[in-house]
Amino acid sequence: MKFLEKLTSKKGQVSMEIGILVAAAVAVAAIAAYFYAKNVKDSQANVAQAANNTANALADIANDSVEGISSLDITGTATTTP
């Protein structure tokens, strides 16, 4: 019952403690939001670079395949000379 009496008291002690807890929670949430936004921004750049690398690798493979096709003759044997 002392806890209930403390909550209903007019001294302001509980109000100050609750205010400090709320301020701390807001500060922690702001810091977490900053790091979340920073990580999202960094991951976006990393994803873009990975996509470019994949596209370049696929283009290289396609070029190699086209060059291999162009070196075939009608019978299906390669016409390249060693």
N, C-alpha and C. Protein backbone atom coordinates (compact mmCIF):
# COMPACT_ATOMS: atom_id res chain seq x y z
N MET A 1 0.80 -1.19 0.00
CA MET A 1 0.00 0.00 0.00
C MET A 1 0.85 1.26 0.00
N LYS A 2 2.09 1.16 0.47
CA LYS A 2 2.94 2.35 0.46
C LYS A 2 3.21 2.81 -0.97
N PHE A 3 3.29 1.85 -1.87
CA PHE A 3 3.54 2.21 -3.27
C PHE A 3 2.38 3.03 -3.82
N LEU A 4 1.17 2.60 -3.51
CA LEU A 4 -0.01 3.34 -3.96
C LEU A 4 -0.06 4.74 -3.35
N GLU A 5 0.32 4.85 -2.11
CA GLU A 5 0.35 6.17 -1.47
C GLU A 5 1.41 7.06 -2.11
N LYS A 6 2.52 6.46 -2.50
CA LYS A 6 3.59 7.23 -3.13
C LYS A 6 3.14 7.74 -4.50
N LEU A 7 2.38 6.92 -5.24
CA LEU A 7 1.91 7.34 -6.55
C LEU A 7 0.91 8.49 -6.46
N THR A 8 0.14 8.48 -5.41
CA THR A 8 -0.88 9.52 -5.29
C THR A 8 -0.42 10.73 -4.49
N SER A 9 0.83 10.74 -4.06
CA SER A 9 1.31 11.88 -3.28
C SER A 9 1.50 13.10 -4.16
N LYS A 10 1.51 14.25 -3.56
CA LYS A 10 1.64 15.51 -4.29
C LYS A 10 3.06 16.06 -4.25
N LYS A 11 4.02 15.28 -3.81
CA LYS A 11 5.38 15.80 -3.64
C LYS A 11 6.12 15.97 -4.96
N GLY A 12 5.76 15.24 -5.98
CA GLY A 12 6.42 15.42 -7.27
C GLY A 12 7.60 14.48 -7.49
N GLN A 13 7.96 13.69 -6.52
CA GLN A 13 9.11 12.80 -6.66
C GLN A 13 8.85 11.75 -7.74
N VAL A 14 7.68 11.14 -7.72
CA VAL A 14 7.36 10.11 -8.70
C VAL A 14 7.27 10.72 -10.09
N SER A 15 6.71 11.88 -10.19
CA SER A 15 6.59 12.52 -11.49
C SER A 15 7.97 12.78 -12.09
N MET A 16 8.91 13.20 -11.27
CA MET A 16 10.26 13.45 -11.75
C MET A 16 10.92 12.13 -12.19
N GLU A 17 10.72 11.08 -11.42
CA GLU A 17 11.32 9.79 -11.78
C GLU A 17 10.74 9.26 -13.09
N ILE A 18 9.43 9.39 -13.24
CA ILE A 18 8.81 8.95 -14.49
C ILE A 18 9.29 9.80 -15.65
N GLY A 19 9.44 11.08 -15.44
CA GLY A 19 9.94 11.97 -16.49
C GLY A 19 11.34 11.60 -16.91
N ILE A 20 12.19 11.26 -15.95
CA ILE A 20 13.56 10.85 -16.28
C ILE A 20 13.55 9.55 -17.07
N LEU A 21 12.70 8.60 -16.66
CA LEU A 21 12.61 7.33 -17.39
C LEU A 21 12.12 7.54 -18.82
N VAL A 22 11.13 8.40 -18.99
CA VAL A 22 10.62 8.68 -20.34
C VAL A 22 11.68 9.36 -21.19
N ALA A 23 12.41 10.30 -20.61
CA ALA A 23 13.47 10.99 -21.34
C ALA A 23 14.57 10.01 -21.75
N ALA A 24 14.91 9.09 -20.86
CA ALA A 24 15.92 8.07 -21.20
C ALA A 24 15.43 7.17 -22.32
N ALA A 25 14.15 6.78 -22.26
CA ALA A 25 13.60 5.92 -23.32
C ALA A 25 13.60 6.64 -24.66
N VAL A 26 13.27 7.92 -24.66
CA VAL A 26 13.29 8.69 -25.90
C VAL A 26 14.70 8.81 -26.45
N ALA A 27 15.68 9.03 -25.57
CA ALA A 27 17.07 9.15 -26.01
C ALA A 27 17.56 7.83 -26.62
N VAL A 28 17.24 6.72 -25.97
CA VAL A 28 17.65 5.41 -26.50
C VAL A 28 16.98 5.16 -27.85
N ALA A 29 15.71 5.50 -27.98
CA ALA A 29 15.00 5.30 -29.25
C ALA A 29 15.60 6.16 -30.36
N ALA A 30 16.00 7.39 -30.03
CA ALA A 30 16.60 8.27 -31.04
C ALA A 30 17.95 7.73 -31.49
N ILE A 31 18.74 7.24 -30.57
CA ILE A 31 20.05 6.67 -30.93
C ILE A 31 19.87 5.42 -31.78
N ALA A 32 18.93 4.56 -31.39
CA ALA A 32 18.67 3.34 -32.17
C ALA A 32 18.17 3.69 -33.58
N ALA A 33 17.32 4.68 -33.70
CA ALA A 33 16.81 5.10 -35.01
C ALA A 33 17.93 5.63 -35.89
N TYR A 34 18.87 6.38 -35.30
CA TYR A 34 20.00 6.90 -36.06
C TYR A 34 20.84 5.76 -36.64
N PHE A 35 21.19 4.79 -35.80
CA PHE A 35 22.01 3.69 -36.28
C PHE A 35 21.26 2.81 -37.27
N TYR A 36 19.94 2.66 -37.08
CA TYR A 36 19.14 1.90 -38.04
C TYR A 36 19.16 2.59 -39.40
N ALA A 37 18.94 3.88 -39.43
CA ALA A 37 18.94 4.63 -40.69
C ALA A 37 20.31 4.59 -41.35
N LYS A 38 21.35 4.68 -40.55
CA LYS A 38 22.71 4.64 -41.10
C LYS A 38 23.00 3.28 -41.72
N ASN A 39 22.58 2.20 -41.07
CA ASN A 39 22.81 0.86 -41.61
C ASN A 39 22.00 0.63 -42.87
N VAL A 40 20.78 1.16 -42.93
CA VAL A 40 19.97 1.02 -44.14
C VAL A 40 20.64 1.74 -45.30
N LYS A 41 21.17 2.92 -45.04
CA LYS A 41 21.84 3.69 -46.10
C LYS A 41 23.08 2.95 -46.59
N ASP A 42 23.88 2.41 -45.67
CA ASP A 42 25.08 1.68 -46.06
C ASP A 42 24.75 0.40 -46.81
N SER A 43 23.71 -0.29 -46.40
CA SER A 43 23.35 -1.54 -47.08
C SER A 43 22.83 -1.26 -48.48
N GLN A 44 22.20 -0.12 -48.68
CA GLN A 44 21.72 0.24 -50.01
C GLN A 44 22.91 0.39 -50.97
N ALA A 45 23.97 1.03 -50.52
CA ALA A 45 25.15 1.19 -51.37
C ALA A 45 25.80 -0.17 -51.64
N ASN A 46 25.83 -1.04 -50.64
CA ASN A 46 26.43 -2.36 -50.83
C ASN A 46 25.61 -3.20 -51.80
N VAL A 47 24.30 -3.10 -51.73
CA VAL A 47 23.44 -3.87 -52.63
C VAL A 47 23.62 -3.37 -54.07
N ALA A 48 23.72 -2.08 -54.24
CA ALA A 48 23.91 -1.53 -55.58
C ALA A 48 25.23 -2.01 -56.18
N GLN A 49 26.28 -2.03 -55.39
CA GLN A 49 27.58 -2.50 -55.88
C GLN A 49 27.53 -3.99 -56.22
N ALA A 50 26.87 -4.78 -55.39
CA ALA A 50 26.75 -6.21 -55.66
C ALA A 50 25.94 -6.46 -56.93
N ALA A 51 24.89 -5.68 -57.14
CA ALA A 51 24.09 -5.83 -58.36
C ALA A 51 24.91 -5.48 -59.60
N ASN A 52 25.71 -4.44 -59.52
CA ASN A 52 26.57 -4.07 -60.65
C ASN A 52 27.60 -5.16 -60.93
N ASN A 53 28.19 -5.71 -59.87
CA ASN A 53 29.17 -6.79 -60.07
C ASN A 53 28.53 -8.01 -60.72
N THR A 54 27.32 -8.36 -60.29
CA THR A 54 26.62 -9.50 -60.87
C THR A 54 26.28 -9.25 -62.33
N ALA A 55 25.81 -8.06 -62.64
CA ALA A 55 25.47 -7.74 -64.03
C ALA A 55 26.71 -7.79 -64.91
N ASN A 56 27.83 -7.30 -64.42
CA ASN A 56 29.06 -7.36 -65.21
C ASN A 56 29.53 -8.79 -65.42
N ALA A 57 29.42 -9.62 -64.38
CA ALA A 57 29.82 -11.03 -64.52
C ALA A 57 28.94 -11.74 -65.53
N LEU A 58 27.63 -11.49 -65.49
CA LEU A 58 26.73 -12.11 -66.46
C LEU A 58 27.01 -11.62 -67.88
N ALA A 59 27.34 -10.36 -68.04
CA ALA A 59 27.67 -9.83 -69.36
C ALA A 59 28.94 -10.48 -69.90
N ASP A 60 29.93 -10.70 -69.04
CA ASP A 60 31.16 -11.36 -69.46
C ASP A 60 30.89 -12.80 -69.91
N ILE A 61 30.05 -13.50 -69.18
CA ILE A 61 29.71 -14.88 -69.54
C ILE A 61 28.95 -14.91 -70.87
N ALA A 62 28.04 -13.95 -71.05
CA ALA A 62 27.30 -13.90 -72.31
C ALA A 62 28.23 -13.62 -73.48
N ASN A 63 29.18 -12.72 -73.30
CA ASN A 63 30.14 -12.42 -74.37
C ASN A 63 30.99 -13.64 -74.70
N ASP A 64 31.43 -14.35 -73.68
CA ASP A 64 32.22 -15.56 -73.91
C ASP A 64 31.40 -16.61 -74.67
N SER A 65 30.13 -16.73 -74.33
CA SER A 65 29.26 -17.70 -75.01
C SER A 65 29.06 -17.30 -76.47
N VAL A 66 28.86 -16.04 -76.73
CA VAL A 66 28.67 -15.57 -78.10
C VAL A 66 29.94 -15.80 -78.90
N GLU A 67 31.08 -15.53 -78.34
CA GLU A 67 32.34 -15.76 -79.04
C GLU A 67 32.53 -17.26 -79.32
N GLY A 68 32.12 -18.10 -78.38
CA GLY A 68 32.22 -19.55 -78.59
C GLY A 68 31.30 -20.02 -79.71
N ILE A 69 30.13 -19.44 -79.80
CA ILE A 69 29.19 -19.81 -80.86
C ILE A 69 29.73 -19.37 -82.22
N SER A 70 30.31 -18.19 -82.27
CA SER A 70 30.79 -17.69 -83.56
C SER A 70 32.00 -18.47 -84.07
N SER A 71 32.66 -19.19 -83.20
CA SER A 71 33.83 -19.95 -83.66
C SER A 71 33.47 -21.37 -84.10
N LEU A 72 32.20 -21.72 -84.09
CA LEU A 72 31.77 -23.05 -84.54
C LEU A 72 31.51 -23.03 -86.04
N ASP A 73 31.75 -24.17 -86.69
CA ASP A 73 31.38 -24.27 -88.09
C ASP A 73 30.10 -25.09 -88.21
N ILE A 74 29.69 -25.42 -89.40
CA ILE A 74 28.41 -26.09 -89.62
C ILE A 74 28.40 -27.48 -89.00
N THR A 75 29.53 -28.17 -88.99
CA THR A 75 29.56 -29.54 -88.46
C THR A 75 29.61 -29.56 -86.95
N GLY A 76 29.79 -28.43 -86.33
CA GLY A 76 29.78 -28.35 -84.88
C GLY A 76 31.16 -28.46 -84.26
N THR A 77 32.21 -28.50 -85.07
CA THR A 77 33.56 -28.54 -84.53
C THR A 77 34.13 -27.14 -84.52
N ALA A 78 35.01 -26.90 -83.62
CA ALA A 78 35.60 -25.57 -83.51
C ALA A 78 36.56 -25.34 -84.65
N THR A 79 36.59 -24.11 -85.17
CA THR A 79 37.45 -23.77 -86.30
C THR A 79 38.71 -23.03 -85.86
N THR A 80 38.91 -22.93 -84.58
CA THR A 80 40.08 -22.19 -84.09
C THR A 80 41.31 -23.05 -84.31
N THR A 81 42.39 -22.41 -84.63
CA THR A 81 43.65 -23.12 -84.83
C THR A 81 44.53 -22.90 -83.62
N PRO A 82 45.18 -23.94 -83.15
CA PRO A 82 46.04 -23.79 -81.96
C PRO A 82 47.32 -23.06 -82.25
